[in-house]
Amino acid sequence: MMLSQFLMTLSIDLIPQFFYKKSKDHYYEVEEFKRDVFAIWLCNNRKFTYNGGKITKTIWGFYNYKTYKFHSPVNSKTIGKQVDFKNTTCYTSMQSKSSPLDSFFV
């Protein structure tokens, strides 16, 4: 089996602390990003014309499987700060920044 074929078969089940499950609208893919780090991708099942009907993916976050820690993305190629999984959502591991003024508008 070639390495590229192995990377395609990685499952989100490799990350036992990842409790979000796929739904009818989306699912997750895992790719080896760097040594000791997986990139977790959120994939949308809907078809869009702007990309010719291909699967639309966005980076959910990163997981260091040596330290068992999650990290938010700066972008799809840069690992950000460490985050607590309970402060993430099923759509992203990025932390929302809110100010006291934000609560006034809710």
PDB file of N, CA and C in Angstrom:
ATOM      1  N   MET A   1       0.844  -1.178   0.000  1.00  0.00           N
ATOM      2  CA  MET A   1       0.000   0.000   0.000  1.00  0.00           C
ATOM      3  C   MET A   1       0.888   1.239   0.000  1.00  0.00           C
ATOM      4  N   MET A   2       0.598   2.167  -0.883  1.00  0.00           N
ATOM      5  CA  MET A   2       1.375   3.398  -0.966  1.00  0.00           C
ATOM      6  C   MET A   2       0.972   4.339   0.167  1.00  0.00           C
ATOM      7  N   LEU A   3       1.886   5.235   0.551  1.00  0.00           N
ATOM      8  CA  LEU A   3       1.623   6.169   1.636  1.00  0.00           C
ATOM      9  C   LEU A   3       0.419   7.039   1.327  1.00  0.00           C
ATOM     10  N   SER A   4       0.270   7.502   0.081  1.00  0.00           N
ATOM     11  CA  SER A   4      -0.863   8.360  -0.259  1.00  0.00           C
ATOM     12  C   SER A   4      -2.182   7.621  -0.090  1.00  0.00           C
ATOM     13  N   GLN A   5      -2.221   6.325  -0.356  1.00  0.00           N
ATOM     14  CA  GLN A   5      -3.438   5.555  -0.149  1.00  0.00           C
ATOM     15  C   GLN A   5      -3.732   5.416   1.338  1.00  0.00           C
ATOM     16  N   PHE A   6      -2.703   5.265   2.155  1.00  0.00           N
ATOM     17  CA  PHE A   6      -2.890   5.163   3.593  1.00  0.00           C
ATOM     18  C   PHE A   6      -3.470   6.456   4.153  1.00  0.00           C
ATOM     19  N   LEU A   7      -2.977   7.607   3.682  1.00  0.00           N
ATOM     20  CA  LEU A   7      -3.462   8.885   4.182  1.00  0.00           C
ATOM     21  C   LEU A   7      -4.938   9.080   3.873  1.00  0.00           C
ATOM     22  N   MET A   8      -5.414   8.538   2.781  1.00  0.00           N
ATOM     23  CA  MET A   8      -6.808   8.679   2.409  1.00  0.00           C
ATOM     24  C   MET A   8      -7.713   7.838   3.318  1.00  0.00           C
ATOM     25  N   THR A   9      -7.189   6.820   3.967  1.00  0.00           N
ATOM     26  CA  THR A   9      -8.022   5.917   4.755  1.00  0.00           C
ATOM     27  C   THR A   9      -8.041   6.261   6.242  1.00  0.00           C
ATOM     28  N   LEU A  10      -7.386   7.337   6.662  1.00  0.00           N
ATOM     29  CA  LEU A  10      -7.406   7.708   8.071  1.00  0.00           C
ATOM     30  C   LEU A  10      -8.831   8.055   8.484  1.00  0.00           C
ATOM     31  N   SER A  11      -9.212   7.634   9.636  1.00  0.00           N
ATOM     32  CA  SER A  11     -10.568   7.834  10.126  1.00  0.00           C
ATOM     33  C   SER A  11     -10.557   8.761  11.327  1.00  0.00           C
ATOM     34  N   ILE A  12     -11.654   9.471  11.490  1.00  0.00           N
ATOM     35  CA  ILE A  12     -11.790  10.325  12.663  1.00  0.00           C
ATOM     36  C   ILE A  12     -11.772   9.491  13.936  1.00  0.00           C
ATOM     37  N   ASP A  13     -12.030   8.190  13.807  1.00  0.00           N
ATOM     38  CA  ASP A  13     -11.998   7.291  14.967  1.00  0.00           C
ATOM     39  C   ASP A  13     -10.597   7.149  15.554  1.00  0.00           C
ATOM     40  N   LEU A  14      -9.576   7.622  14.843  1.00  0.00           N
ATOM     41  CA  LEU A  14      -8.208   7.603  15.381  1.00  0.00           C
ATOM     42  C   LEU A  14      -8.046   8.567  16.544  1.00  0.00           C
ATOM     43  N   ILE A  15      -8.990   9.482  16.685  1.00  0.00           N
ATOM     44  CA  ILE A  15      -8.914  10.495  17.739  1.00  0.00           C
ATOM     45  C   ILE A  15     -10.030  10.212  18.737  1.00  0.00           C
ATOM     46  N   PRO A  16      -9.735   9.467  19.799  1.00  0.00           N
ATOM     47  CA  PRO A  16     -10.796   9.061  20.727  1.00  0.00           C
ATOM     48  C   PRO A  16     -11.451  10.229  21.462  1.00  0.00           C
ATOM     49  N   GLN A  17     -10.749  11.344  21.614  1.00  0.00           N
ATOM     50  CA  GLN A  17     -11.308  12.497  22.316  1.00  0.00           C
ATOM     51  C   GLN A  17     -12.233  13.332  21.426  1.00  0.00           C
ATOM     52  N   PHE A  18     -12.319  13.007  20.132  1.00  0.00           N
ATOM     53  CA  PHE A  18     -13.146  13.770  19.201  1.00  0.00           C
ATOM     54  C   PHE A  18     -14.552  13.184  19.227  1.00  0.00           C
ATOM     55  N   PHE A  19     -15.497  13.893  19.863  1.00  0.00           N
ATOM     56  CA  PHE A  19     -16.825  13.349  20.093  1.00  0.00           C
ATOM     57  C   PHE A  19     -17.866  13.763  19.058  1.00  0.00           C
ATOM     58  N   TYR A  20     -17.528  14.700  18.174  1.00  0.00           N
ATOM     59  CA  TYR A  20     -18.499  15.106  17.159  1.00  0.00           C
ATOM     60  C   TYR A  20     -18.636  14.006  16.122  1.00  0.00           C
ATOM     61  N   LYS A  21     -19.836  13.759  15.694  1.00  0.00           N
ATOM     62  CA  LYS A  21     -20.105  12.708  14.717  1.00  0.00           C
ATOM     63  C   LYS A  21     -20.628  13.313  13.429  1.00  0.00           C
ATOM     64  N   LYS A  22     -20.492  12.559  12.349  1.00  0.00           N
ATOM     65  CA  LYS A  22     -20.979  13.046  11.067  1.00  0.00           C
ATOM     66  C   LYS A  22     -22.499  13.152  11.101  1.00  0.00           C
ATOM     67  N   SER A  23     -23.032  13.992  10.222  1.00  0.00           N
ATOM     68  CA  SER A  23     -24.475  14.146  10.104  1.00  0.00           C
ATOM     69  C   SER A  23     -24.846  14.009   8.627  1.00  0.00           C
ATOM     70  N   LYS A  24     -26.089  14.270   8.307  1.00  0.00           N
ATOM     71  CA  LYS A  24     -26.477  14.194   6.898  1.00  0.00           C
ATOM     72  C   LYS A  24     -25.864  15.334   6.090  1.00  0.00           C
ATOM     73  N   ASP A  25     -25.459  16.415   6.750  1.00  0.00           N
ATOM     74  CA  ASP A  25     -24.919  17.580   6.055  1.00  0.00           C
ATOM     75  C   ASP A  25     -23.399  17.585   5.947  1.00  0.00           C
ATOM     76  N   HIS A  26     -22.723  16.962   6.884  1.00  0.00           N
ATOM     77  CA  HIS A  26     -21.262  17.035   6.880  1.00  0.00           C
ATOM     78  C   HIS A  26     -20.635  15.788   7.512  1.00  0.00           C
ATOM     79  N   TYR A  27     -19.344  15.644   7.269  1.00  0.00           N
ATOM     80  CA  TYR A  27     -18.556  14.575   7.878  1.00  0.00           C
ATOM     81  C   TYR A  27     -17.136  15.093   8.047  1.00  0.00           C
ATOM     82  N   TYR A  28     -16.284  14.312   8.689  1.00  0.00           N
ATOM     83  CA  TYR A  28     -14.914  14.726   8.995  1.00  0.00           C
ATOM     84  C   TYR A  28     -13.909  13.827   8.285  1.00  0.00           C
ATOM     85  N   GLU A  29     -12.807  14.427   7.860  1.00  0.00           N
ATOM     86  CA  GLU A  29     -11.671  13.682   7.309  1.00  0.00           C
ATOM     87  C   GLU A  29     -10.445  14.033   8.127  1.00  0.00           C
ATOM     88  N   VAL A  30      -9.550  13.071   8.244  1.00  0.00           N
ATOM     89  CA  VAL A  30      -8.306  13.279   8.983  1.00  0.00           C
ATOM     90  C   VAL A  30      -7.145  13.020   8.034  1.00  0.00           C
ATOM     91  N   GLU A  31      -6.181  13.931   8.030  1.00  0.00           N
ATOM     92  CA  GLU A  31      -4.967  13.771   7.225  1.00  0.00           C
ATOM     93  C   GLU A  31      -3.767  13.994   8.118  1.00  0.00           C
ATOM     94  N   GLU A  32      -2.693  13.285   7.828  1.00  0.00           N
ATOM     95  CA  GLU A  32      -1.459  13.546   8.554  1.00  0.00           C
ATOM     96  C   GLU A  32      -0.939  14.890   8.069  1.00  0.00           C
ATOM     97  N   PHE A  33      -0.691  15.808   8.987  1.00  0.00           N
ATOM     98  CA  PHE A  33      -0.287  17.164   8.644  1.00  0.00           C
ATOM     99  C   PHE A  33       1.222  17.335   8.792  1.00  0.00           C
ATOM    100  N   LYS A  34       1.717  17.071   9.956  1.00  0.00           N
ATOM    101  CA  LYS A  34       3.143  17.107  10.268  1.00  0.00           C
ATOM    102  C   LYS A  34       3.427  15.926  11.174  1.00  0.00           C
ATOM    103  N   ARG A  35       4.668  15.769  11.514  1.00  0.00           N
ATOM    104  CA  ARG A  35       5.007  14.704  12.452  1.00  0.00           C
ATOM    105  C   ARG A  35       4.227  14.917  13.744  1.00  0.00           C
ATOM    106  N   ASP A  36       3.507  13.927  14.179  1.00  0.00           N
ATOM    107  CA  ASP A  36       2.722  13.927  15.413  1.00  0.00           C
ATOM    108  C   ASP A  36       1.441  14.754  15.344  1.00  0.00           C
ATOM    109  N   VAL A  37       1.081  15.286  14.184  1.00  0.00           N
ATOM    110  CA  VAL A  37      -0.091  16.164  14.090  1.00  0.00           C
ATOM    111  C   VAL A  37      -1.015  15.720  12.964  1.00  0.00           C
ATOM    112  N   PHE A  38      -2.303  15.618  13.287  1.00  0.00           N
ATOM    113  CA  PHE A  38      -3.342  15.376  12.292  1.00  0.00           C
ATOM    114  C   PHE A  38      -4.065  16.683  11.998  1.00  0.00           C
ATOM    115  N   ALA A  39      -4.458  16.876  10.744  1.00  0.00           N
ATOM    116  CA  ALA A  39      -5.358  17.958  10.366  1.00  0.00           C
ATOM    117  C   ALA A  39      -6.756  17.359  10.285  1.00  0.00           C
ATOM    118  N   ILE A  40      -7.720  18.009  10.906  1.00  0.00           N
ATOM    119  CA  ILE A  40      -9.109  17.540  10.886  1.00  0.00           C
ATOM    120  C   ILE A  40      -9.889  18.471   9.974  1.00  0.00           C
ATOM    121  N   TRP A  41     -10.509  17.902   8.942  1.00  0.00           N
ATOM    122  CA  TRP A  41     -11.250  18.670   7.943  1.00  0.00           C
ATOM    123  C   TRP A  41     -12.744  18.426   8.098  1.00  0.00           C
ATOM    124  N   LEU A  42     -13.513  19.496   7.995  1.00  0.00           N
ATOM    125  CA  LEU A  42     -14.966  19.408   7.973  1.00  0.00           C
ATOM    126  C   LEU A  42     -15.381  19.439   6.509  1.00  0.00           C
ATOM    127  N   CYS A  43     -16.086  18.409   6.056  1.00  0.00           N
ATOM    128  CA  CYS A  43     -16.468  18.272   4.649  1.00  0.00           C
ATOM    129  C   CYS A  43     -17.980  18.408   4.521  1.00  0.00           C
ATOM    130  N   ASN A  44     -18.409  19.240   3.589  1.00  0.00           N
ATOM    131  CA  ASN A  44     -19.822  19.496   3.364  1.00  0.00           C
ATOM    132  C   ASN A  44     -20.336  18.556   2.279  1.00  0.00           C
ATOM    133  N   ASN A  45     -21.486  17.932   2.487  1.00  0.00           N
ATOM    134  CA  ASN A  45     -22.064  17.004   1.526  1.00  0.00           C
ATOM    135  C   ASN A  45     -22.790  17.691   0.375  1.00  0.00           C
ATOM    136  N   ARG A  46     -23.099  18.953   0.503  1.00  0.00           N
ATOM    137  CA  ARG A  46     -23.834  19.652  -0.548  1.00  0.00           C
ATOM    138  C   ARG A  46     -22.941  19.924  -1.749  1.00  0.00           C
ATOM    139  N   LYS A  47     -23.538  19.977  -2.920  1.00  0.00           N
ATOM    140  CA  LYS A  47     -22.816  20.256  -4.160  1.00  0.00           C
ATOM    141  C   LYS A  47     -22.935  21.753  -4.471  1.00  0.00           C
ATOM    142  N   PHE A  48     -21.839  22.360  -4.873  1.00  0.00           N
ATOM    143  CA  PHE A  48     -21.820  23.771  -5.224  1.00  0.00           C
ATOM    144  C   PHE A  48     -21.319  23.919  -6.654  1.00  0.00           C
ATOM    145  N   THR A  49     -21.866  24.876  -7.387  1.00  0.00           N
ATOM    146  CA  THR A  49     -21.472  25.058  -8.784  1.00  0.00           C
ATOM    147  C   THR A  49     -20.125  25.770  -8.905  1.00  0.00           C
ATOM    148  N   TYR A  50     -19.741  26.570  -7.902  1.00  0.00           N
ATOM    149  CA  TYR A  50     -18.495  27.325  -8.033  1.00  0.00           C
ATOM    150  C   TYR A  50     -17.260  26.428  -8.095  1.00  0.00           C
ATOM    151  N   ASN A  51     -17.362  25.205  -7.585  1.00  0.00           N
ATOM    152  CA  ASN A  51     -16.206  24.306  -7.622  1.00  0.00           C
ATOM    153  C   ASN A  51     -16.486  23.054  -8.442  1.00  0.00           C
ATOM    154  N   GLY A  52     -17.487  23.123  -9.306  1.00  0.00           N
ATOM    155  CA  GLY A  52     -17.778  21.994 -10.183  1.00  0.00           C
ATOM    156  C   GLY A  52     -18.400  20.800  -9.480  1.00  0.00           C
ATOM    157  N   GLY A  53     -19.031  21.024  -8.335  1.00  0.00           N
ATOM    158  CA  GLY A  53     -19.684  19.936  -7.614  1.00  0.00           C
ATOM    159  C   GLY A  53     -18.768  19.094  -6.752  1.00  0.00           C
ATOM    160  N   LYS A  54     -17.513  19.495  -6.618  1.00  0.00           N
ATOM    161  CA  LYS A  54     -16.584  18.750  -5.757  1.00  0.00           C
ATOM    162  C   LYS A  54     -16.933  18.971  -4.290  1.00  0.00           C
ATOM    163  N   ILE A  55     -16.400  18.119  -3.441  1.00  0.00           N
ATOM    164  CA  ILE A  55     -16.625  18.249  -2.003  1.00  0.00           C
ATOM    165  C   ILE A  55     -15.979  19.545  -1.509  1.00  0.00           C
ATOM    166  N   THR A  56     -16.719  20.276  -0.690  1.00  0.00           N
ATOM    167  CA  THR A  56     -16.214  21.511  -0.108  1.00  0.00           C
ATOM    168  C   THR A  56     -15.699  21.201   1.291  1.00  0.00           C
ATOM    169  N   LYS A  57     -14.433  21.558   1.550  1.00  0.00           N
ATOM    170  CA  LYS A  57     -13.802  21.260   2.835  1.00  0.00           C
ATOM    171  C   LYS A  57     -13.303  22.542   3.487  1.00  0.00           C
ATOM    172  N   THR A  58     -13.332  22.541   4.794  1.00  0.00           N
ATOM    173  CA  THR A  58     -12.747  23.619   5.583  1.00  0.00           C
ATOM    174  C   THR A  58     -11.992  22.982   6.751  1.00  0.00           C
ATOM    175  N   ILE A  59     -10.944  23.627   7.179  1.00  0.00           N
ATOM    176  CA  ILE A  59     -10.154  23.062   8.271  1.00  0.00           C
ATOM    177  C   ILE A  59     -10.918  23.231   9.591  1.00  0.00           C
ATOM    178  N   TRP A  60     -11.114  22.133  10.311  1.00  0.00           N
ATOM    179  CA  TRP A  60     -11.761  22.200  11.627  1.00  0.00           C
ATOM    180  C   TRP A  60     -10.722  22.576  12.680  1.00  0.00           C
ATOM    181  N   GLY A  61      -9.577  21.924  12.609  1.00  0.00           N
ATOM    182  CA  GLY A  61      -8.519  22.174  13.579  1.00  0.00           C
ATOM    183  C   GLY A  61      -7.430  21.128  13.446  1.00  0.00           C
ATOM    184  N   PHE A  62      -6.561  21.085  14.422  1.00  0.00           N
ATOM    185  CA  PHE A  62      -5.430  20.165  14.420  1.00  0.00           C
ATOM    186  C   PHE A  62      -5.403  19.382  15.725  1.00  0.00           C
ATOM    187  N   TYR A  63      -4.827  18.186  15.664  1.00  0.00           N
ATOM    188  CA  TYR A  63      -4.733  17.324  16.848  1.00  0.00           C
ATOM    189  C   TYR A  63      -3.336  16.743  16.923  1.00  0.00           C
ATOM    190  N   ASN A  64      -2.654  16.992  18.040  1.00  0.00           N
ATOM    191  CA  ASN A  64      -1.337  16.422  18.276  1.00  0.00           C
ATOM    192  C   ASN A  64      -1.533  15.091  18.988  1.00  0.00           C
ATOM    193  N   TYR A  65      -1.248  13.998  18.295  1.00  0.00           N
ATOM    194  CA  TYR A  65      -1.517  12.681  18.866  1.00  0.00           C
ATOM    195  C   TYR A  65      -0.434  12.192  19.821  1.00  0.00           C
ATOM    196  N   LYS A  66       0.630  12.927  20.023  1.00  0.00           N
ATOM    197  CA  LYS A  66       1.623  12.589  21.051  1.00  0.00           C
ATOM    198  C   LYS A  66       1.241  13.227  22.384  1.00  0.00           C
ATOM    199  N   THR A  67       0.739  14.472  22.328  1.00  0.00           N
ATOM    200  CA  THR A  67       0.370  15.182  23.559  1.00  0.00           C
ATOM    201  C   THR A  67      -1.125  15.107  23.849  1.00  0.00           C
ATOM    202  N   TYR A  68      -1.915  14.582  22.885  1.00  0.00           N
ATOM    203  CA  TYR A  68      -3.376  14.476  23.013  1.00  0.00           C
ATOM    204  C   TYR A  68      -4.041  15.837  23.174  1.00  0.00           C
ATOM    205  N   LYS A  69      -3.535  16.834  22.468  1.00  0.00           N
ATOM    206  CA  LYS A  69      -4.065  18.195  22.571  1.00  0.00           C
ATOM    207  C   LYS A  69      -4.611  18.657  21.225  1.00  0.00           C
ATOM    208  N   PHE A  70      -5.693  19.447  21.281  1.00  0.00           N
ATOM    209  CA  PHE A  70      -6.278  20.064  20.095  1.00  0.00           C
ATOM    210  C   PHE A  70      -5.746  21.475  19.943  1.00  0.00           C
ATOM    211  N   HIS A  71      -5.649  21.920  18.684  1.00  0.00           N
ATOM    212  CA  HIS A  71      -5.197  23.276  18.380  1.00  0.00           C
ATOM    213  C   HIS A  71      -6.135  23.889  17.352  1.00  0.00           C
ATOM    214  N   SER A  72      -6.400  25.169  17.527  1.00  0.00           N
ATOM    215  CA  SER A  72      -7.218  25.865  16.536  1.00  0.00           C
ATOM    216  C   SER A  72      -6.339  26.200  15.333  1.00  0.00           C
ATOM    217  N   PRO A  73      -6.945  26.402  14.174  1.00  0.00           N
ATOM    218  CA  PRO A  73      -6.149  26.771  13.004  1.00  0.00           C
ATOM    219  C   PRO A  73      -6.005  28.284  12.889  1.00  0.00           C
ATOM    220  N   VAL A  74      -4.862  28.725  12.410  1.00  0.00           N
ATOM    221  CA  VAL A  74      -4.723  30.105  11.953  1.00  0.00           C
ATOM    222  C   VAL A  74      -5.256  30.147  10.524  1.00  0.00           C
ATOM    223  N   ASN A  75      -4.836  29.171   9.748  1.00  0.00           N
ATOM    224  CA  ASN A  75      -5.383  28.871   8.429  1.00  0.00           C
ATOM    225  C   ASN A  75      -5.112  27.385   8.189  1.00  0.00           C
ATOM    226  N   SER A  76      -5.364  26.893   7.001  1.00  0.00           N
ATOM    227  CA  SER A  76      -5.244  25.452   6.778  1.00  0.00           C
ATOM    228  C   SER A  76      -3.805  24.942   6.801  1.00  0.00           C
ATOM    229  N   LYS A  77      -2.831  25.842   6.812  1.00  0.00           N
ATOM    230  CA  LYS A  77      -1.428  25.433   6.814  1.00  0.00           C
ATOM    231  C   LYS A  77      -0.674  25.833   8.069  1.00  0.00           C
ATOM    232  N   THR A  78      -1.373  26.478   9.020  1.00  0.00           N
ATOM    233  CA  THR A  78      -0.711  26.983  10.220  1.00  0.00           C
ATOM    234  C   THR A  78      -1.489  26.585  11.462  1.00  0.00           C
ATOM    235  N   ILE A  79      -0.788  25.964  12.402  1.00  0.00           N
ATOM    236  CA  ILE A  79      -1.392  25.559  13.669  1.00  0.00           C
ATOM    237  C   ILE A  79      -1.418  26.755  14.606  1.00  0.00           C
ATOM    238  N   GLY A  80      -2.575  26.943  15.259  1.00  0.00           N
ATOM    239  CA  GLY A  80      -2.739  28.048  16.197  1.00  0.00           C
ATOM    240  C   GLY A  80      -2.581  27.609  17.639  1.00  0.00           C
ATOM    241  N   LYS A  81      -3.281  28.294  18.505  1.00  0.00           N
ATOM    242  CA  LYS A  81      -3.186  28.045  19.941  1.00  0.00           C
ATOM    243  C   LYS A  81      -3.869  26.747  20.349  1.00  0.00           C
ATOM    244  N   GLN A  82      -3.405  26.195  21.451  1.00  0.00           N
ATOM    245  CA  GLN A  82      -4.024  25.008  22.032  1.00  0.00           C
ATOM    246  C   GLN A  82      -5.398  25.392  22.563  1.00  0.00           C
ATOM    247  N   VAL A  83      -6.383  24.505  22.359  1.00  0.00           N
ATOM    248  CA  VAL A  83      -7.744  24.760  22.823  1.00  0.00           C
ATOM    249  C   VAL A  83      -8.253  23.561  23.613  1.00  0.00           C
ATOM    250  N   ASP A  84      -9.191  23.826  24.480  1.00  0.00           N
ATOM    251  CA  ASP A  84      -9.869  22.761  25.220  1.00  0.00           C
ATOM    252  C   ASP A  84     -11.025  22.276  24.346  1.00  0.00           C
ATOM    253  N   PHE A  85     -11.146  20.973  24.144  1.00  0.00           N
ATOM    254  CA  PHE A  85     -12.160  20.433  23.248  1.00  0.00           C
ATOM    255  C   PHE A  85     -13.572  20.860  23.648  1.00  0.00           C
ATOM    256  N   LYS A  86     -13.832  20.996  24.940  1.00  0.00           N
ATOM    257  CA  LYS A  86     -15.174  21.367  25.380  1.00  0.00           C
ATOM    258  C   LYS A  86     -15.550  22.800  24.983  1.00  0.00           C
ATOM    259  N   ASN A  87     -14.576  23.594  24.559  1.00  0.00           N
ATOM    260  CA  ASN A  87     -14.842  24.960  24.100  1.00  0.00           C
ATOM    261  C   ASN A  87     -14.930  25.058  22.578  1.00  0.00           C
ATOM    262  N   THR A  88     -14.996  23.925  21.891  1.00  0.00           N
ATOM    263  CA  THR A  88     -15.093  23.919  20.434  1.00  0.00           C
ATOM    264  C   THR A  88     -16.533  23.643  20.020  1.00  0.00           C
ATOM    265  N   THR A  89     -16.804  23.766  18.729  1.00  0.00           N
ATOM    266  CA  THR A  89     -18.109  23.401  18.192  1.00  0.00           C
ATOM    267  C   THR A  89     -17.898  22.327  17.130  1.00  0.00           C
ATOM    268  N   CYS A  90     -18.973  21.774  16.630  1.00  0.00           N
ATOM    269  CA  CYS A  90     -18.831  20.744  15.597  1.00  0.00           C
ATOM    270  C   CYS A  90     -18.365  21.343  14.273  1.00  0.00           C
ATOM    271  N   TYR A  91     -18.354  22.667  14.162  1.00  0.00           N
ATOM    272  CA  TYR A  91     -17.944  23.329  12.925  1.00  0.00           C
ATOM    273  C   TYR A  91     -16.519  23.860  12.933  1.00  0.00           C
ATOM    274  N   THR A  92     -15.991  24.163  14.101  1.00  0.00           N
ATOM    275  CA  THR A  92     -14.633  24.703  14.171  1.00  0.00           C
ATOM    276  C   THR A  92     -14.068  24.583  15.587  1.00  0.00           C
ATOM    277  N   SER A  93     -12.749  24.565  15.653  1.00  0.00           N
ATOM    278  CA  SER A  93     -12.094  24.595  16.963  1.00  0.00           C
ATOM    279  C   SER A  93     -11.642  26.013  17.307  1.00  0.00           C
ATOM    280  N   MET A  94     -11.886  26.946  16.399  1.00  0.00           N
ATOM    281  CA  MET A  94     -11.507  28.337  16.669  1.00  0.00           C
ATOM    282  C   MET A  94     -12.372  28.883  17.801  1.00  0.00           C
ATOM    283  N   GLN A  95     -11.755  29.641  18.669  1.00  0.00           N
ATOM    284  CA  GLN A  95     -12.454  30.217  19.807  1.00  0.00           C
ATOM    285  C   GLN A  95     -13.046  31.565  19.405  1.00  0.00           C
ATOM    286  N   SER A  96     -14.297  31.775  19.766  1.00  0.00           N
ATOM    287  CA  SER A  96     -14.913  33.063  19.433  1.00  0.00           C
ATOM    288  C   SER A  96     -14.427  34.114  20.415  1.00  0.00           C
ATOM    289  N   LYS A  97     -14.157  35.264  19.880  1.00  0.00           N
ATOM    290  CA  LYS A  97     -13.723  36.383  20.709  1.00  0.00           C
ATOM    291  C   LYS A  97     -14.926  37.300  20.880  1.00  0.00           C
ATOM    292  N   SER A  98     -15.321  37.493  22.098  1.00  0.00           N
ATOM    293  CA  SER A  98     -16.462  38.364  22.342  1.00  0.00           C
ATOM    294  C   SER A  98     -16.069  39.439  23.337  1.00  0.00           C
ATOM    295  N   SER A  99     -16.722  40.555  23.182  1.00  0.00           N
ATOM    296  CA  SER A  99     -16.490  41.680  24.088  1.00  0.00           C
ATOM    297  C   SER A  99     -17.756  41.885  24.909  1.00  0.00           C
ATOM    298  N   PRO A 100     -17.705  42.641  25.962  1.00  0.00           N
ATOM    299  CA  PRO A 100     -18.914  42.907  26.742  1.00  0.00           C
ATOM    300  C   PRO A 100     -20.003  43.575  25.891  1.00  0.00           C
ATOM    301  N   LEU A 101     -19.600  44.301  24.887  1.00  0.00           N
ATOM    302  CA  LEU A 101     -20.569  44.977  24.031  1.00  0.00           C
ATOM    303  C   LEU A 101     -21.361  43.956  23.186  1.00  0.00           C
ATOM    304  N   ASP A 102     -20.758  42.809  22.865  1.00  0.00           N
ATOM    305  CA  ASP A 102     -21.444  41.775  22.091  1.00  0.00           C
ATOM    306  C   ASP A 102     -22.692  41.273  22.806  1.00  0.00           C
ATOM    307  N   SER A 103     -22.661  41.136  24.111  1.00  0.00           N
ATOM    308  CA  SER A 103     -23.806  40.622  24.850  1.00  0.00           C
ATOM    309  C   SER A 103     -24.983  41.589  24.801  1.00  0.00           C
ATOM    310  N   PHE A 104     -24.713  42.842  24.539  1.00  0.00           N
ATOM    311  CA  PHE A 104     -25.767  43.849  24.427  1.00  0.00           C
ATOM    312  C   PHE A 104     -26.618  43.601  23.176  1.00  0.00           C
ATOM    313  N   PHE A 105     -26.018  43.066  22.108  1.00  0.00           N
ATOM    314  CA  PHE A 105     -26.717  42.876  20.851  1.00  0.00           C
ATOM    315  C   PHE A 105     -27.421  41.538  20.744  1.00  0.00           C
ATOM    316  N   VAL A 106     -27.266  40.674  21.722  1.00  0.00           N
ATOM    317  CA  VAL A 106     -27.890  39.341  21.657  1.00  0.00           C
ATOM    318  C   VAL A 106     -29.284  39.342  22.195  1.00  0.00           C
TER     319      VAL A 106
END
